[in-house]
Amino acid sequence: MPAYSLAAEYSIENISSLEKRLNALRSEIHMANKPVAHHENTPALYYIKQKLWEKSINAILSTTPSSKTGSSYSNILYGISLQGLKKTIKALNYYEKIPDNSRHYVTAQLNIALLYTHGGLTYKSIDIINQVLTNYSSNINNQLNNRILLILGYLYFKDKKFIKSINIFKKIKAESVYSNNALFGIALSEMERKNYTSAINTLSILNKKTNQDIQCDESHIFIAYAYEKKGNHNKAAILYNNAITHYEKRINNISQLLKQNKPLVIKGIIDNNTFIVSNNKIDLSGKMPAIFFKNYIESKNIAQTTLNLIGKNNYIYKKANNLYSDYNDIINKLLLTVLSKRKKTLLDYLKQTRYRLARSHDRLLSN
């Protein structure tokens, strides 16, 4: 594994320095960008992503001294931090301070719904999310709408309302980054209904995807399991063997990526924060705030534009390219961290699949 991947993924001071360099570069090349809203790049966001709850609270208080009774955004951040500290009632109080005309109201309601879910009150969570979708749809963009639908679908699944969960999952757009999650949710719901043929048809779609995320990988063992539950042990054994081959190839692919001593080749970026590396689809939204990815992509575009316009020997291009390289280094560290975890998950799937294959062979012999 490259030496730089073993370093800390990022520090708040490092991120702050990158943002200052980007702002200075914008000024130097007279870009007409609107200044970044203060709330988008508060240090508290980065501490929250690192799950450093006490530090995020301190950052909120130092940035906005009156945050306890201050803006809706400060109350959101304060509530998330308290939620992380398991101070559920206090977190709920901060979310409830946010008025329904605030742009952060939907986020607050979703967080309240998750609090109820963790407290075992799934029906309350479902009611809240349905009210949000019914009454505040104009405040919800497509990506957030798909995410809310995904949460609602899994809440219905958790509540054993499988037909409702299937209907909700089907509303998620095929082009959404959540489409694979939705397909997997449909398959799980159909399995619970003992509709194994429908589950198999849905899992087959995931099987054929070329860019693999966790849902695609997991579908290989699940489709074999669906045939096993259906009673077709011959087909199950064949598919368990196929799954073993799939997992072995995937583990080897990721192992090679982790070993290389150069930056990963990013083939594409979806919705700013989902990266395609080799045939791996990696969502980094849980690792960094949205503003970081916007800045990363902007730094890349500036570097490319200045290269095309003034060439690589100009000092402006060199500054832009160095900034992009520093952003890219952090992205690489995050990608390597996720890939390392994914490899462990795939090793676990491989172990489970070998066990299930052995059981299938036993059943075939007994029959």
Foldseek 3Di string as FASTA:
>chain_A
DAPLLVDDLDDLVRLVVLVVLLVVLCVVVVPPDDDDDPLQSQSLQQCLLVLVLVVSLVSLCVVPVVLVLDDLSSLQSNLSSCVSVVVLVSSLVSLVSHDPVDLCVLVSLQVNLVSCVVVVNLVVSLVSLVCCVVPPVVSADLQRQLVSLLVNLVSCVVVLVLVVSLVSLVVRDCPHPCVLVSLLSNLVSCVVVLVLVSSLVSLVVLCPQQQDDPSSLVSLLVNLVSCVSVVNLVSSLVSLVVSLVVLVVLLVVLVVVLPDHDFFDFPDDDPLAWTGTRSYTRGCCSNGRSVLSVSLVVLVVQLVVCCVPPNDVDVSNVSSVVSNVSSSSSVRSSVNVVSVVVSVVSVVVSVVSVVVSVVSVVVVVVD
